[in-house]
Amino acid sequence: MTVFDIRLHPGAVRFLRELDADTKDRIKLALRNLENDPFRDRPKADIKKLEGTKGRENLYRLRIGDYRAVYAVEGNTVWVAEIFLRGKGYRGI
């Protein structure tokens, strides 16, 4: 079984730093669930492949309560591009 490495964009790290400890821990746990399978929707991992991402590689969305994480998968690495509050939308993705 392939284990994926999770990497965060500096902007995603900055966003996490601003959150309270409980929310930060919940998001980190959800991101760790991507290590085993970042593609398949399942309990504790509400994953959706994003459509219309302006010719970029395949992007995915992970729903974590009111938060969303947008990521791409390259080889065995999951690159988390952005984490945001649901109301902010998918700016320019």
C-alpha atoms as a PDB file:
ATOM      1  CA  MET A   1       0.000   0.000   0.000  1.00  0.00           C
ATOM      2  CA  THR A   2       1.339   3.411  -0.991  1.00  0.00           C
ATOM      3  CA  VAL A   3       1.686   6.009   1.721  1.00  0.00           C
ATOM      4  CA  PHE A   4       1.479   9.607   0.513  1.00  0.00           C
ATOM      5  CA  ASP A   5       3.579  12.445   1.909  1.00  0.00           C
ATOM      6  CA  ILE A   6       1.541  15.553   2.848  1.00  0.00           C
ATOM      7  CA  ARG A   7       3.119  18.948   2.051  1.00  0.00           C
ATOM      8  CA  LEU A   8       1.542  22.349   2.724  1.00  0.00           C
ATOM      9  CA  HIS A   9       1.955  25.560   0.746  1.00  0.00           C
ATOM     10  CA  PRO A  10       3.295  28.384   2.962  1.00  0.00           C
ATOM     11  CA  GLY A  11      -0.077  30.165   2.679  1.00  0.00           C
ATOM     12  CA  ALA A  12      -1.848  27.090   4.063  1.00  0.00           C
ATOM     13  CA  VAL A  13       0.634  26.965   6.957  1.00  0.00           C
ATOM     14  CA  ARG A  14      -0.022  30.657   7.724  1.00  0.00           C
ATOM     15  CA  PHE A  15      -3.776  30.036   7.701  1.00  0.00           C
ATOM     16  CA  LEU A  16      -3.417  27.106  10.127  1.00  0.00           C
ATOM     17  CA  ARG A  17      -1.292  29.176  12.511  1.00  0.00           C
ATOM     18  CA  GLU A  18      -4.131  31.696  12.905  1.00  0.00           C
ATOM     19  CA  LEU A  19      -6.685  29.088  14.026  1.00  0.00           C
ATOM     20  CA  ASP A  20      -7.534  28.006  17.561  1.00  0.00           C
ATOM     21  CA  ALA A  21      -5.877  24.795  18.763  1.00  0.00           C
ATOM     22  CA  ASP A  22      -8.974  22.557  18.469  1.00  0.00           C
ATOM     23  CA  THR A  23      -9.732  23.612  14.891  1.00  0.00           C
ATOM     24  CA  LYS A  24      -6.071  23.324  13.909  1.00  0.00           C
ATOM     25  CA  ASP A  25      -5.908  19.772  15.341  1.00  0.00           C
ATOM     26  CA  ARG A  26      -9.109  18.753  13.522  1.00  0.00           C
ATOM     27  CA  ILE A  27      -7.747  20.010  10.186  1.00  0.00           C
ATOM     28  CA  LYS A  28      -4.364  18.346  10.716  1.00  0.00           C
ATOM     29  CA  LEU A  29      -6.055  15.023  11.506  1.00  0.00           C
ATOM     30  CA  ALA A  30      -8.188  15.282   8.347  1.00  0.00           C
ATOM     31  CA  LEU A  31      -5.074  16.031   6.259  1.00  0.00           C
ATOM     32  CA  ARG A  32      -3.280  13.028   7.782  1.00  0.00           C
ATOM     33  CA  ASN A  33      -6.160  10.842   6.541  1.00  0.00           C
ATOM     34  CA  LEU A  34      -4.982  11.684   3.006  1.00  0.00           C
ATOM     35  CA  GLU A  35      -1.739   9.741   3.595  1.00  0.00           C
ATOM     36  CA  ASN A  36      -3.452   6.437   2.788  1.00  0.00           C
ATOM     37  CA  ASP A  37      -5.725   7.491  -0.098  1.00  0.00           C
ATOM     38  CA  PRO A  38      -6.081  11.104  -1.313  1.00  0.00           C
ATOM     39  CA  PHE A  39      -8.464  10.182  -4.148  1.00  0.00           C
ATOM     40  CA  ARG A  40     -11.429   8.253  -2.729  1.00  0.00           C
ATOM     41  CA  ASP A  41     -14.353   9.737  -0.807  1.00  0.00           C
ATOM     42  CA  ARG A  42     -14.987   7.769   2.414  1.00  0.00           C
ATOM     43  CA  PRO A  43     -16.027   8.280   6.043  1.00  0.00           C
ATOM     44  CA  LYS A  44     -13.811  10.937   7.677  1.00  0.00           C
ATOM     45  CA  ALA A  45     -12.581  12.035   4.234  1.00  0.00           C
ATOM     46  CA  ASP A  46     -15.149  13.954   2.173  1.00  0.00           C
ATOM     47  CA  ILE A  47     -13.129  14.241  -1.044  1.00  0.00           C
ATOM     48  CA  LYS A  48     -14.307  15.628  -4.368  1.00  0.00           C
ATOM     49  CA  LYS A  49     -12.384  16.063  -7.613  1.00  0.00           C
ATOM     50  CA  LEU A  50     -12.721  19.671  -8.750  1.00  0.00           C
ATOM     51  CA  GLU A  51     -13.953  20.441 -12.251  1.00  0.00           C
ATOM     52  CA  GLY A  52     -12.873  23.371 -14.423  1.00  0.00           C
ATOM     53  CA  THR A  53      -9.529  24.152 -12.820  1.00  0.00           C
ATOM     54  CA  LYS A  54      -8.359  26.287 -15.752  1.00  0.00           C
ATOM     55  CA  GLY A  55      -6.162  23.692 -17.465  1.00  0.00           C
ATOM     56  CA  ARG A  56      -4.179  22.861 -14.346  1.00  0.00           C
ATOM     57  CA  GLU A  57      -3.478  19.401 -13.040  1.00  0.00           C
ATOM     58  CA  ASN A  58      -6.287  17.590 -11.266  1.00  0.00           C
ATOM     59  CA  LEU A  59      -7.235  19.331  -8.063  1.00  0.00           C
ATOM     60  CA  TYR A  60      -9.194  17.848  -5.188  1.00  0.00           C
ATOM     61  CA  ARG A  61     -11.206  19.313  -2.348  1.00  0.00           C
ATOM     62  CA  LEU A  62     -11.286  17.917   1.179  1.00  0.00           C
ATOM     63  CA  ARG A  63     -14.206  19.111   3.299  1.00  0.00           C
ATOM     64  CA  ILE A  64     -13.406  19.522   6.985  1.00  0.00           C
ATOM     65  CA  GLY A  65     -16.564  20.890   8.607  1.00  0.00           C
ATOM     66  CA  ASP A  66     -16.784  24.554   7.555  1.00  0.00           C
ATOM     67  CA  TYR A  67     -13.243  24.468   6.154  1.00  0.00           C
ATOM     68  CA  ARG A  68     -11.966  23.320   2.777  1.00  0.00           C
ATOM     69  CA  ALA A  69      -8.512  22.158   1.727  1.00  0.00           C
ATOM     70  CA  VAL A  70      -7.626  22.184  -1.977  1.00  0.00           C
ATOM     71  CA  TYR A  71      -4.797  19.910  -3.027  1.00  0.00           C
ATOM     72  CA  ALA A  72      -3.059  18.210  -5.950  1.00  0.00           C
ATOM     73  CA  VAL A  73      -1.335  14.836  -6.038  1.00  0.00           C
ATOM     74  CA  GLU A  74       2.048  14.427  -7.745  1.00  0.00           C
ATOM     75  CA  GLY A  75       3.526  10.962  -7.491  1.00  0.00           C
ATOM     76  CA  ASN A  76       3.468  10.056  -3.793  1.00  0.00           C
ATOM     77  CA  THR A  77       3.101  13.648  -2.605  1.00  0.00           C
ATOM     78  CA  VAL A  78      -0.111  15.475  -1.718  1.00  0.00           C
ATOM     79  CA  TRP A  79       0.431  19.223  -2.145  1.00  0.00           C
ATOM     80  CA  VAL A  80      -2.092  21.210  -0.086  1.00  0.00           C
ATOM     81  CA  ALA A  81      -2.369  24.489  -1.979  1.00  0.00           C
ATOM     82  CA  GLU A  82      -4.931  26.275   0.148  1.00  0.00           C
ATOM     83  CA  ILE A  83      -7.057  25.920   3.267  1.00  0.00           C
ATOM     84  CA  PHE A  84      -9.965  28.303   3.710  1.00  0.00           C
ATOM     85  CA  LEU A  85     -13.282  28.875   5.422  1.00  0.00           C
ATOM     86  CA  ARG A  86     -16.192  27.642   3.298  1.00  0.00           C
ATOM     87  CA  GLY A  87     -17.674  31.115   2.728  1.00  0.00           C
ATOM     88  CA  LYS A  88     -14.494  32.435   1.062  1.00  0.00           C
ATOM     89  CA  GLY A  89     -15.034  30.354  -2.088  1.00  0.00           C
ATOM     90  CA  TYR A  90     -12.536  28.855  -4.496  1.00  0.00           C
ATOM     91  CA  ARG A  91     -10.779  32.079  -5.541  1.00  0.00           C
ATOM     92  CA  GLY A  92      -9.275  31.640  -8.995  1.00  0.00           C
ATOM     93  CA  ILE A  93      -8.786  27.885  -8.770  1.00  0.00           C
END
